Amino acid sequence: MSEWIDFERWPDCKRMERPGIVFEVTNGDQTLLTGCVVPLPLPSDWVAHPLRFRAVPQPRPRHSSPLPTPAGPQQ
């Protein structure tokens, strides 16, 4: 992971974009993983503005379990 960067430099994220890299943005209480989108749309539940960000590896997708087979007719 890279060092934390002051959020005032968020527009510089374009230079840091790489395949397999996302950005971890935090306001001190909450964290968001996102691509570089300027301006950054914040989730509606964020009450504080972002303070800092850093480049992190993109999480690997988690695969769910297969769906169970349907049960026979209920009697």
PDB file of N, CA and C in Angstrom:
ATOM      1  N   MET A   1       0.845  -1.180   0.000  1.00  0.00           N
ATOM      2  CA  MET A   1       0.000   0.000   0.000  1.00  0.00           C
ATOM      3  C   MET A   1       0.885   1.235   0.000  1.00  0.00           C
ATOM      4  N   SER A   2       0.352   2.296  -0.537  1.00  0.00           N
ATOM      5  CA  SER A   2       1.127   3.522  -0.594  1.00  0.00           C
ATOM      6  C   SER A   2       0.846   4.387   0.636  1.00  0.00           C
ATOM      7  N   GLU A   3       1.545   5.464   0.720  1.00  0.00           N
ATOM      8  CA  GLU A   3       1.386   6.409   1.825  1.00  0.00           C
ATOM      9  C   GLU A   3       0.087   7.188   1.665  1.00  0.00           C
ATOM     10  N   TRP A   4      -0.465   7.634   2.777  1.00  0.00           N
ATOM     11  CA  TRP A   4      -1.659   8.483   2.749  1.00  0.00           C
ATOM     12  C   TRP A   4      -1.318   9.830   2.128  1.00  0.00           C
ATOM     13  N   ILE A   5      -2.245  10.349   1.330  1.00  0.00           N
ATOM     14  CA  ILE A   5      -2.074  11.633   0.639  1.00  0.00           C
ATOM     15  C   ILE A   5      -3.240  12.526   1.042  1.00  0.00           C
ATOM     16  N   ASP A   6      -2.974  13.797   1.296  1.00  0.00           N
ATOM     17  CA  ASP A   6      -4.019  14.748   1.657  1.00  0.00           C
ATOM     18  C   ASP A   6      -5.062  14.816   0.548  1.00  0.00           C
ATOM     19  N   PHE A   7      -6.343  14.822   0.916  1.00  0.00           N
ATOM     20  CA  PHE A   7      -7.408  14.760  -0.084  1.00  0.00           C
ATOM     21  C   PHE A   7      -7.424  15.984  -1.014  1.00  0.00           C
ATOM     22  N   GLU A   8      -6.806  17.075  -0.638  1.00  0.00           N
ATOM     23  CA  GLU A   8      -6.725  18.236  -1.539  1.00  0.00           C
ATOM     24  C   GLU A   8      -6.041  17.866  -2.852  1.00  0.00           C
ATOM     25  N   ARG A   9      -5.256  16.811  -2.841  1.00  0.00           N
ATOM     26  CA  ARG A   9      -4.542  16.368  -4.047  1.00  0.00           C
ATOM     27  C   ARG A   9      -5.298  15.300  -4.820  1.00  0.00           C
ATOM     28  N   TRP A  10      -6.588  15.077  -4.507  1.00  0.00           N
ATOM     29  CA  TRP A  10      -7.383  14.051  -5.190  1.00  0.00           C
ATOM     30  C   TRP A  10      -7.341  14.168  -6.716  1.00  0.00           C
ATOM     31  N   PRO A  11      -7.380  15.367  -7.312  1.00  0.00           N
ATOM     32  CA  PRO A  11      -7.292  15.433  -8.774  1.00  0.00           C
ATOM     33  C   PRO A  11      -6.022  14.787  -9.346  1.00  0.00           C
ATOM     34  N   ASP A  12      -4.973  14.638  -8.528  1.00  0.00           N
ATOM     35  CA  ASP A  12      -3.742  13.985  -8.973  1.00  0.00           C
ATOM     36  C   ASP A  12      -3.904  12.477  -9.107  1.00  0.00           C
ATOM     37  N   CYS A  13      -5.046  11.929  -8.665  1.00  0.00           N
ATOM     38  CA  CYS A  13      -5.227  10.472  -8.735  1.00  0.00           C
ATOM     39  C   CYS A  13      -5.137   9.973 -10.177  1.00  0.00           C
ATOM     40  N   LYS A  14      -5.446  10.807 -11.143  1.00  0.00           N
ATOM     41  CA  LYS A  14      -5.370  10.394 -12.558  1.00  0.00           C
ATOM     42  C   LYS A  14      -3.965   9.912 -12.909  1.00  0.00           C
ATOM     43  N   ARG A  15      -2.945  10.556 -12.350  1.00  0.00           N
ATOM     44  CA  ARG A  15      -1.557  10.161 -12.625  1.00  0.00           C
ATOM     45  C   ARG A  15      -1.198   8.850 -11.934  1.00  0.00           C
ATOM     46  N   MET A  16      -1.940   8.482 -10.891  1.00  0.00           N
ATOM     47  CA  MET A  16      -1.632   7.290 -10.099  1.00  0.00           C
ATOM     48  C   MET A  16      -2.409   6.061 -10.542  1.00  0.00           C
ATOM     49  N   GLU A  17      -3.336   6.227 -11.492  1.00  0.00           N
ATOM     50  CA  GLU A  17      -4.152   5.094 -11.933  1.00  0.00           C
ATOM     51  C   GLU A  17      -3.292   4.020 -12.577  1.00  0.00           C
ATOM     52  N   ARG A  18      -3.560   2.770 -12.203  1.00  0.00           N
ATOM     53  CA  ARG A  18      -2.876   1.609 -12.765  1.00  0.00           C
ATOM     54  C   ARG A  18      -3.874   0.450 -12.777  1.00  0.00           C
ATOM     55  N   PRO A  19      -3.717  -0.510 -13.674  1.00  0.00           N
ATOM     56  CA  PRO A  19      -4.573  -1.697 -13.629  1.00  0.00           C
ATOM     57  C   PRO A  19      -4.394  -2.418 -12.292  1.00  0.00           C
ATOM     58  N   GLY A  20      -5.499  -2.844 -11.711  1.00  0.00           N
ATOM     59  CA  GLY A  20      -5.450  -3.570 -10.449  1.00  0.00           C
ATOM     60  C   GLY A  20      -5.301  -2.701  -9.212  1.00  0.00           C
ATOM     61  N   ILE A  21      -5.358  -1.378  -9.393  1.00  0.00           N
ATOM     62  CA  ILE A  21      -5.217  -0.438  -8.277  1.00  0.00           C
ATOM     63  C   ILE A  21      -6.513   0.345  -8.117  1.00  0.00           C
ATOM     64  N   VAL A  22      -6.975   0.504  -6.887  1.00  0.00           N
ATOM     65  CA  VAL A  22      -8.105   1.369  -6.550  1.00  0.00           C
ATOM     66  C   VAL A  22      -7.620   2.331  -5.478  1.00  0.00           C
ATOM     67  N   PHE A  23      -8.494   3.224  -5.069  1.00  0.00           N
ATOM     68  CA  PHE A  23      -8.114   4.207  -4.066  1.00  0.00           C
ATOM     69  C   PHE A  23      -8.961   4.038  -2.818  1.00  0.00           C
ATOM     70  N   GLU A  24      -8.291   4.040  -1.684  1.00  0.00           N
ATOM     71  CA  GLU A  24      -8.950   3.995  -0.386  1.00  0.00           C
ATOM     72  C   GLU A  24      -9.050   5.441   0.095  1.00  0.00           C
ATOM     73  N   VAL A  25     -10.273   5.906   0.269  1.00  0.00           N
ATOM     74  CA  VAL A  25     -10.525   7.287   0.701  1.00  0.00           C
ATOM     75  C   VAL A  25     -11.128   7.211   2.094  1.00  0.00           C
ATOM     76  N   THR A  26     -10.678   8.073   3.000  1.00  0.00           N
ATOM     77  CA  THR A  26     -11.219   8.055   4.354  1.00  0.00           C
ATOM     78  C   THR A  26     -11.503   9.468   4.857  1.00  0.00           C
ATOM     79  N   ASN A  27     -12.500   9.543   5.730  1.00  0.00           N
ATOM     80  CA  ASN A  27     -12.789  10.811   6.400  1.00  0.00           C
ATOM     81  C   ASN A  27     -12.425  10.700   7.883  1.00  0.00           C
ATOM     82  N   GLY A  28     -11.731   9.637   8.241  1.00  0.00           N
ATOM     83  CA  GLY A  28     -11.342   9.413   9.625  1.00  0.00           C
ATOM     84  C   GLY A  28     -12.231   8.386  10.302  1.00  0.00           C
ATOM     85  N   ASP A  29     -13.510   8.363   9.953  1.00  0.00           N
ATOM     86  CA  ASP A  29     -14.455   7.413  10.532  1.00  0.00           C
ATOM     87  C   ASP A  29     -14.923   6.372   9.515  1.00  0.00           C
ATOM     88  N   GLN A  30     -14.992   6.752   8.261  1.00  0.00           N
ATOM     89  CA  GLN A  30     -15.514   5.883   7.214  1.00  0.00           C
ATOM     90  C   GLN A  30     -14.487   5.737   6.107  1.00  0.00           C
ATOM     91  N   THR A  31     -14.591   4.621   5.374  1.00  0.00           N
ATOM     92  CA  THR A  31     -13.648   4.325   4.293  1.00  0.00           C
ATOM     93  C   THR A  31     -14.423   3.937   3.047  1.00  0.00           C
ATOM     94  N   LEU A  32     -13.891   4.331   1.898  1.00  0.00           N
ATOM     95  CA  LEU A  32     -14.505   4.051   0.607  1.00  0.00           C
ATOM     96  C   LEU A  32     -13.420   3.561  -0.343  1.00  0.00           C
ATOM     97  N   LEU A  33     -13.668   2.466  -1.058  1.00  0.00           N
ATOM     98  CA  LEU A  33     -12.777   2.017  -2.133  1.00  0.00           C
ATOM     99  C   LEU A  33     -13.401   2.456  -3.442  1.00  0.00           C
ATOM    100  N   THR A  34     -12.621   3.132  -4.280  1.00  0.00           N
ATOM    101  CA  THR A  34     -13.162   3.701  -5.507  1.00  0.00           C
ATOM    102  C   THR A  34     -12.073   3.842  -6.561  1.00  0.00           C
ATOM    103  N   GLY A  35     -12.504   4.001  -7.780  1.00  0.00           N
ATOM    104  CA  GLY A  35     -11.594   4.390  -8.841  1.00  0.00           C
ATOM    105  C   GLY A  35     -11.388   5.897  -8.776  1.00  0.00           C
ATOM    106  N   CYS A  36     -10.577   6.412  -9.666  1.00  0.00           N
ATOM    107  CA  CYS A  36     -10.327   7.854  -9.693  1.00  0.00           C
ATOM    108  C   CYS A  36     -11.461   8.543 -10.445  1.00  0.00           C
ATOM    109  N   VAL A  37     -12.334   9.205  -9.696  1.00  0.00           N
ATOM    110  CA  VAL A  37     -13.452   9.955 -10.265  1.00  0.00           C
ATOM    111  C   VAL A  37     -13.364  11.368  -9.700  1.00  0.00           C
ATOM    112  N   VAL A  38     -13.191  12.343 -10.583  1.00  0.00           N
ATOM    113  CA  VAL A  38     -13.059  13.738 -10.148  1.00  0.00           C
ATOM    114  C   VAL A  38     -14.207  14.531 -10.736  1.00  0.00           C
ATOM    115  N   PRO A  39     -15.024  15.190  -9.881  1.00  0.00           N
ATOM    116  CA  PRO A  39     -15.018  15.173  -8.424  1.00  0.00           C
ATOM    117  C   PRO A  39     -15.579  13.861  -7.908  1.00  0.00           C
ATOM    118  N   LEU A  40     -15.147  13.492  -6.708  1.00  0.00           N
ATOM    119  CA  LEU A  40     -15.548  12.218  -6.115  1.00  0.00           C
ATOM    120  C   LEU A  40     -16.959  12.314  -5.551  1.00  0.00           C
ATOM    121  N   PRO A  41     -17.910  11.514  -6.052  1.00  0.00           N
ATOM    122  CA  PRO A  41     -19.243  11.493  -5.458  1.00  0.00           C
ATOM    123  C   PRO A  41     -19.183  10.701  -4.151  1.00  0.00           C
ATOM    124  N   LEU A  42     -19.613  11.316  -3.072  1.00  0.00           N
ATOM    125  CA  LEU A  42     -19.552  10.667  -1.766  1.00  0.00           C
ATOM    126  C   LEU A  42     -20.843   9.927  -1.458  1.00  0.00           C
ATOM    127  N   PRO A  43     -20.751   8.833  -0.713  1.00  0.00           N
ATOM    128  CA  PRO A  43     -21.964   8.137  -0.292  1.00  0.00           C
ATOM    129  C   PRO A  43     -22.840   9.073   0.537  1.00  0.00           C
ATOM    130  N   SER A  44     -24.139   8.864   0.487  1.00  0.00           N
ATOM    131  CA  SER A  44     -25.073   9.765   1.174  1.00  0.00           C
ATOM    132  C   SER A  44     -24.935   9.723   2.690  1.00  0.00           C
ATOM    133  N   ASP A  45     -24.369   8.643   3.232  1.00  0.00           N
ATOM    134  CA  ASP A  45     -24.248   8.558   4.689  1.00  0.00           C
ATOM    135  C   ASP A  45     -22.961   9.194   5.228  1.00  0.00           C
ATOM    136  N   TRP A  46     -22.145   9.753   4.357  1.00  0.00           N
ATOM    137  CA  TRP A  46     -20.932  10.439   4.831  1.00  0.00           C
ATOM    138  C   TRP A  46     -21.309  11.835   5.315  1.00  0.00           C
ATOM    139  N   VAL A  47     -21.023  12.116   6.582  1.00  0.00           N
ATOM    140  CA  VAL A  47     -21.323  13.440   7.131  1.00  0.00           C
ATOM    141  C   VAL A  47     -20.077  14.321   7.172  1.00  0.00           C
ATOM    142  N   ALA A  48     -18.897  13.709   7.086  1.00  0.00           N
ATOM    143  CA  ALA A  48     -17.642  14.468   7.076  1.00  0.00           C
ATOM    144  C   ALA A  48     -16.987  14.334   5.706  1.00  0.00           C
ATOM    145  N   HIS A  49     -16.280  15.373   5.302  1.00  0.00           N
ATOM    146  CA  HIS A  49     -15.587  15.350   4.013  1.00  0.00           C
ATOM    147  C   HIS A  49     -14.346  14.461   4.093  1.00  0.00           C
ATOM    148  N   PRO A  50     -13.908  13.911   2.967  1.00  0.00           N
ATOM    149  CA  PRO A  50     -12.705  13.071   2.966  1.00  0.00           C
ATOM    150  C   PRO A  50     -11.483  13.868   3.427  1.00  0.00           C
ATOM    151  N   LEU A  51     -10.597  13.181   4.125  1.00  0.00           N
ATOM    152  CA  LEU A  51      -9.378  13.812   4.621  1.00  0.00           C
ATOM    153  C   LEU A  51      -8.145  13.373   3.843  1.00  0.00           C
ATOM    154  N   ARG A  52      -8.121  12.095   3.448  1.00  0.00           N
ATOM    155  CA  ARG A  52      -6.920  11.576   2.792  1.00  0.00           C
ATOM    156  C   ARG A  52      -7.284  10.362   1.945  1.00  0.00           C
ATOM    157  N   PHE A  53      -6.323   9.958   1.101  1.00  0.00           N
ATOM    158  CA  PHE A  53      -6.512   8.794   0.236  1.00  0.00           C
ATOM    159  C   PHE A  53      -5.169   8.132  -0.019  1.00  0.00           C
ATOM    160  N   ARG A  54      -5.225   6.889  -0.501  1.00  0.00           N
ATOM    161  CA  ARG A  54      -4.017   6.172  -0.898  1.00  0.00           C
ATOM    162  C   ARG A  54      -4.381   5.116  -1.937  1.00  0.00           C
ATOM    163  N   ALA A  55      -3.402   4.720  -2.733  1.00  0.00           N
ATOM    164  CA  ALA A  55      -3.583   3.668  -3.726  1.00  0.00           C
ATOM    165  C   ALA A  55      -3.409   2.321  -3.033  1.00  0.00           C
ATOM    166  N   VAL A  56      -4.337   1.390  -3.311  1.00  0.00           N
ATOM    167  CA  VAL A  56      -4.278   0.042  -2.731  1.00  0.00           C
ATOM    168  C   VAL A  56      -4.602  -0.977  -3.820  1.00  0.00           C
ATOM    169  N   PRO A  57      -4.171  -2.223  -3.641  1.00  0.00           N
ATOM    170  CA  PRO A  57      -4.534  -3.263  -4.625  1.00  0.00           C
ATOM    171  C   PRO A  57      -6.047  -3.488  -4.632  1.00  0.00           C
ATOM    172  N   GLN A  58      -6.595  -3.679  -5.811  1.00  0.00           N
ATOM    173  CA  GLN A  58      -8.021  -3.949  -5.940  1.00  0.00           C
ATOM    174  C   GLN A  58      -8.334  -5.296  -5.296  1.00  0.00           C
ATOM    175  N   PRO A  59      -9.354  -5.351  -4.430  1.00  0.00           N
ATOM    176  CA  PRO A  59      -9.692  -6.632  -3.802  1.00  0.00           C
ATOM    177  C   PRO A  59     -10.102  -7.665  -4.850  1.00  0.00           C
ATOM    178  N   ARG A  60      -9.758  -8.907  -4.586  1.00  0.00           N
ATOM    179  CA  ARG A  60     -10.162  -9.980  -5.493  1.00  0.00           C
ATOM    180  C   ARG A  60     -11.649 -10.222  -5.327  1.00  0.00           C
ATOM    181  N   PRO A  61     -12.341 -10.550  -6.396  1.00  0.00           N
ATOM    182  CA  PRO A  61     -13.780 -10.831  -6.283  1.00  0.00           C
ATOM    183  C   PRO A  61     -14.010 -12.059  -5.415  1.00  0.00           C
ATOM    184  N   ARG A  62     -15.062 -11.989  -4.623  1.00  0.00           N
ATOM    185  CA  ARG A  62     -15.453 -13.137  -3.809  1.00  0.00           C
ATOM    186  C   ARG A  62     -16.562 -13.867  -4.535  1.00  0.00           C
ATOM    187  N   HIS A  63     -16.425 -15.163  -4.643  1.00  0.00           N
ATOM    188  CA  HIS A  63     -17.432 -15.959  -5.329  1.00  0.00           C
ATOM    189  C   HIS A  63     -18.400 -16.532  -4.304  1.00  0.00           C
ATOM    190  N   SER A  64     -19.658 -16.448  -4.613  1.00  0.00           N
ATOM    191  CA  SER A  64     -20.665 -16.986  -3.709  1.00  0.00           C
ATOM    192  C   SER A  64     -20.821 -18.482  -3.930  1.00  0.00           C
ATOM    193  N   SER A  65     -21.474 -19.106  -2.999  1.00  0.00           N
ATOM    194  CA  SER A  65     -21.768 -20.537  -3.137  1.00  0.00           C
ATOM    195  C   SER A  65     -22.825 -20.722  -4.210  1.00  0.00           C
ATOM    196  N   PRO A  66     -22.833 -21.895  -4.861  1.00  0.00           N
ATOM    197  CA  PRO A  66     -23.879 -22.122  -5.863  1.00  0.00           C
ATOM    198  C   PRO A  66     -25.261 -22.156  -5.208  1.00  0.00           C
ATOM    199  N   LEU A  67     -26.265 -21.823  -5.976  1.00  0.00           N
ATOM    200  CA  LEU A  67     -27.633 -21.864  -5.470  1.00  0.00           C
ATOM    201  C   LEU A  67     -28.030 -23.307  -5.188  1.00  0.00           C
ATOM    202  N   PRO A  68     -28.759 -23.549  -4.107  1.00  0.00           N
ATOM    203  CA  PRO A  68     -29.206 -24.917  -3.852  1.00  0.00           C
ATOM    204  C   PRO A  68     -30.225 -25.345  -4.896  1.00  0.00           C
ATOM    205  N   THR A  69     -30.331 -26.638  -5.094  1.00  0.00           N
ATOM    206  CA  THR A  69     -31.315 -27.144  -6.048  1.00  0.00           C
ATOM    207  C   THR A  69     -32.720 -26.882  -5.496  1.00  0.00           C
ATOM    208  N   PRO A  70     -33.679 -26.608  -6.344  1.00  0.00           N
ATOM    209  CA  PRO A  70     -35.027 -26.325  -5.868  1.00  0.00           C
ATOM    210  C   PRO A  70     -35.614 -27.534  -5.159  1.00  0.00           C
ATOM    211  N   ALA A  71     -36.369 -27.261  -4.113  1.00  0.00           N
ATOM    212  CA  ALA A  71     -37.064 -28.331  -3.386  1.00  0.00           C
ATOM    213  C   ALA A  71     -38.261 -28.794  -4.206  1.00  0.00           C
ATOM    214  N   GLY A  72     -38.657 -30.026  -3.987  1.00  0.00           N
ATOM    215  CA  GLY A  72     -39.821 -30.551  -4.687  1.00  0.00           C
ATOM    216  C   GLY A  72     -41.088 -29.830  -4.233  1.00  0.00           C
ATOM    217  N   PRO A  73     -42.212 -30.135  -4.830  1.00  0.00           N
ATOM    218  CA  PRO A  73     -43.474 -29.460  -4.467  1.00  0.00           C
ATOM    219  C   PRO A  73     -43.821 -29.709  -3.006  1.00  0.00           C
ATOM    220  N   GLN A  74     -44.273 -28.674  -2.367  1.00  0.00           N
ATOM    221  CA  GLN A  74     -44.699 -28.757  -0.962  1.00  0.00           C
ATOM    222  C   GLN A  74     -46.063 -29.425  -0.865  1.00  0.00           C
ATOM    223  N   GLN A  75     -46.251 -30.340   0.074  1.00  0.00           N
ATOM    224  CA  GLN A  75     -47.564 -30.993   0.234  1.00  0.00           C
ATOM    225  C   GLN A  75     -48.107 -30.748   1.598  1.00  0.00           C
TER     226      GLN A  75
END
